[in-house]
Protein backbone atom coordinates (compact mmCIF):
# COMPACT_ATOMS: atom_id res chain seq x y z
CA ASP A 1 -0.27 3.82 11.99
CA TYR A 2 0.92 2.14 8.77
CA GLU A 3 2.92 -0.38 10.98
CA GLU A 4 -0.14 -1.20 13.19
CA ARG A 5 -2.56 -1.53 10.33
CA ARG A 6 0.05 -4.33 9.35
CA CYS A 7 -0.21 -5.77 12.81
CA GLY A 8 3.52 -4.80 13.56
CA HIS A 9 5.19 -6.13 10.32
CA ARG A 10 6.12 -3.65 7.95
CA SER A 11 6.33 -4.99 4.49
CA THR A 12 9.48 -4.09 2.31
CA PRO A 13 10.73 -5.11 -0.91
CA ASP A 14 12.93 -7.25 0.69
CA THR A 15 10.10 -9.39 1.99
CA LEU A 16 8.83 -10.27 -1.28
CA HIS A 17 9.25 -13.95 -2.36
CA LEU A 18 10.77 -14.97 -5.46
CA PHE A 19 8.09 -16.30 -7.76
CA GLY A 20 5.51 -15.89 -4.67
CA ARG A 21 1.93 -14.64 -6.13
CA TYR A 22 0.92 -11.18 -5.01
CA ARG A 23 -2.25 -8.89 -5.86
CA ARG A 24 -1.83 -5.36 -6.95
CA PRO A 25 -2.51 -3.72 -3.49
CA GLU A 26 -0.10 -6.04 -1.73
CA ILE A 27 2.64 -5.33 -4.24
CA ILE A 28 2.40 -1.75 -3.85
CA ARG A 29 2.39 -1.91 0.03
CA HIS A 30 5.39 -4.01 -0.15
CA PHE A 31 7.02 -0.75 -1.13
CA GLY A 32 6.07 1.33 1.67
CA VAL A 33 2.94 3.17 0.05
CA GLN A 34 -0.77 2.82 0.76
CA TYR A 35 -2.51 1.54 -2.32
CA ASP A 36 -4.63 3.91 -4.25
CA PRO A 37 -6.55 2.62 -7.25
CA ALA A 38 -6.68 5.80 -8.90
CA ARG A 39 -2.81 6.17 -8.94
CA HIS A 40 -1.68 2.52 -8.78
CA ASN A 41 -3.44 0.80 -11.43
CA ARG A 42 -0.62 1.68 -14.16
CA GLY A 43 1.66 -1.06 -15.38
CA ILE A 44 4.82 1.06 -14.07
CA GLN A 45 5.00 2.79 -10.56
CA TRP A 46 7.60 4.69 -9.60
CA ILE A 47 8.71 4.46 -5.89
CA ASP A 48 12.17 6.13 -5.81
CA PRO A 49 14.71 3.93 -5.88
CA HIS A 50 12.72 1.21 -7.00
CA SER A 51 10.17 0.93 -10.40
CA VAL A 52 7.57 -1.66 -10.10
CA ILE A 53 6.42 -3.14 -13.29
CA ILE A 54 3.23 -5.27 -13.41
CA CYS A 55 2.45 -6.84 -16.70
CA LYS A 56 0.25 -9.26 -18.39
CA LEU A 57 0.96 -11.89 -20.62
CA ASP A 58 -2.61 -12.28 -22.10
CA THR A 59 -3.67 -8.63 -23.14
CA SER A 60 -6.09 -10.09 -25.76
CA GLN A 61 -9.13 -8.49 -23.51
CA ALA A 62 -7.77 -5.14 -23.97
CA ILE A 63 -8.54 -2.59 -26.79
CA LYS A 64 -6.60 -2.82 -29.68
CA GLN A 65 -4.22 0.01 -28.99
CA HIS A 66 -3.42 -1.64 -25.56
CA GLN A 67 -2.95 -5.17 -26.48
CA TYR A 68 0.84 -5.43 -25.95
CA LEU A 69 3.43 -8.07 -26.36
CA ASN A 70 4.70 -9.43 -23.39
CA GLN A 71 6.28 -12.89 -23.33
CA PHE A 72 8.99 -15.33 -22.04
CA ILE A 73 11.89 -15.62 -24.76
CA ASP A 74 13.49 -18.04 -22.04
CA SER A 75 13.76 -18.83 -18.55
CA GLN A 76 16.07 -15.88 -17.94
CA THR A 77 14.92 -13.49 -20.58
CA PHE A 78 11.51 -11.54 -20.55
CA LEU A 79 10.28 -9.28 -23.47
CA TRP A 80 8.16 -6.45 -21.91
CA THR A 81 6.07 -3.97 -24.26
CA SER A 82 5.73 -0.28 -22.45
CA GLN A 83 2.87 1.26 -22.71
CA ASN A 84 2.15 3.81 -25.78
CA GLN A 85 3.34 6.86 -24.23
CA MET A 86 7.17 5.37 -23.59
CA ARG A 87 9.87 6.53 -25.57
CA PRO A 88 13.87 6.22 -25.33
CA ASP A 89 13.82 9.98 -25.12
CA ASN A 90 11.14 10.91 -22.52
CA MET A 91 11.69 10.55 -18.95
CA ASP A 92 10.27 7.46 -18.30
CA GLY A 93 11.80 5.81 -21.03
CA GLN A 94 15.13 7.19 -19.52
CA LYS A 95 13.97 5.79 -16.08
CA VAL A 96 14.10 2.36 -17.07
CA LEU A 97 16.86 2.32 -19.88
CA SER A 98 19.35 4.39 -17.19
CA HIS A 99 18.17 2.20 -14.01
CA GLU A 100 21.59 0.82 -13.18
CA LYS A 101 23.45 4.07 -13.68
CA GLU A 102 21.00 5.95 -11.52
CA GLY A 103 20.61 3.42 -8.98
CA ARG A 104 17.23 2.56 -9.68
CA PHE A 105 15.98 -1.20 -8.94
CA LEU A 106 13.47 -2.57 -11.31
CA HIS A 107 11.09 -5.05 -9.74
CA LEU A 108 8.85 -7.31 -12.22
CA PHE A 109 5.71 -8.96 -11.74
CA ILE A 110 3.76 -11.02 -14.17
CA GLN A 111 0.29 -11.71 -14.36
CA ALA A 112 -1.24 -14.33 -16.85
CA SER A 113 -4.15 -12.14 -17.34
CA SER A 114 -6.10 -9.22 -15.68
CA HIS A 115 -7.33 -9.69 -11.95
CA GLU A 116 -5.06 -12.51 -11.43
CA PRO A 117 -2.10 -12.48 -8.94
CA ALA A 118 1.22 -11.42 -10.34
CA PHE A 119 4.42 -13.64 -9.40
CA TYR A 120 7.33 -11.85 -8.84
CA VAL A 121 10.40 -12.74 -10.83
CA GLY A 122 12.64 -10.31 -8.85
CA ILE A 123 14.88 -7.31 -9.79
CA VAL A 124 15.49 -7.43 -13.27
CA THR A 125 18.22 -5.45 -15.78
CA VAL A 126 17.77 -4.05 -19.29
CA THR A 127 19.78 -5.73 -21.57
CA SER A 128 18.44 -4.35 -25.26
CA TYR A 129 15.23 -2.42 -26.46
CA GLU A 130 13.80 -1.46 -29.49
CA GLY A 131 10.99 0.99 -30.81
CA SER A 132 9.47 3.91 -29.58
CA GLY A 133 5.82 4.61 -28.20
CA PRO A 134 5.71 1.83 -27.27
CA MET A 135 9.23 0.48 -26.54
CA GLN A 136 9.79 -3.40 -26.60
CA ILE A 137 12.59 -4.22 -23.60
CA ARG A 138 14.16 -7.23 -22.94
CA PHE A 139 14.94 -7.81 -19.27
CA HIS A 140 17.36 -10.23 -17.82
CA LEU A 141 15.82 -12.32 -14.72
CA PRO A 142 18.19 -12.91 -11.95
CA VAL A 143 16.86 -16.54 -11.55
CA PRO A 144 15.61 -19.12 -14.14
CA VAL A 145 11.77 -18.92 -14.04
CA PRO A 146 10.05 -22.50 -13.74
CA SER A 147 8.29 -23.36 -16.98
CA GLU A 148 4.90 -23.94 -15.24
CA LEU A 149 5.06 -20.30 -14.75
CA HIS A 150 5.61 -19.35 -18.36
């Protein structure tokens, strides 16, 4: 039924295009899950063995405690601020920090602001982190991001 609704073409993580623009429902469907706004409106989705991070560059319209710092450090380094409940000693923090050891893939999507399509920057790796509740995590991007996407 799922494949029939998609015209016989099943979307998978392998069919994502680097720097392609995607809306949240389409992102979630690429990981074999039917989009549900009640379940998939968080910034990070756990769809084993994949983790999907969708973050915004401009969070100024959010309430103060949800205005996170997300920014490009350079063309291959991105600084992501987790949600307030993520810590290095809880399950979600550990899933991100130990992703390579656990065989988990971190897929990063970046939106300029709310309700805009996110562009896919690929499977990223954690290079460092600091803080707790929220954590600031530096990701290494597999391919340099063109400056016009910053």
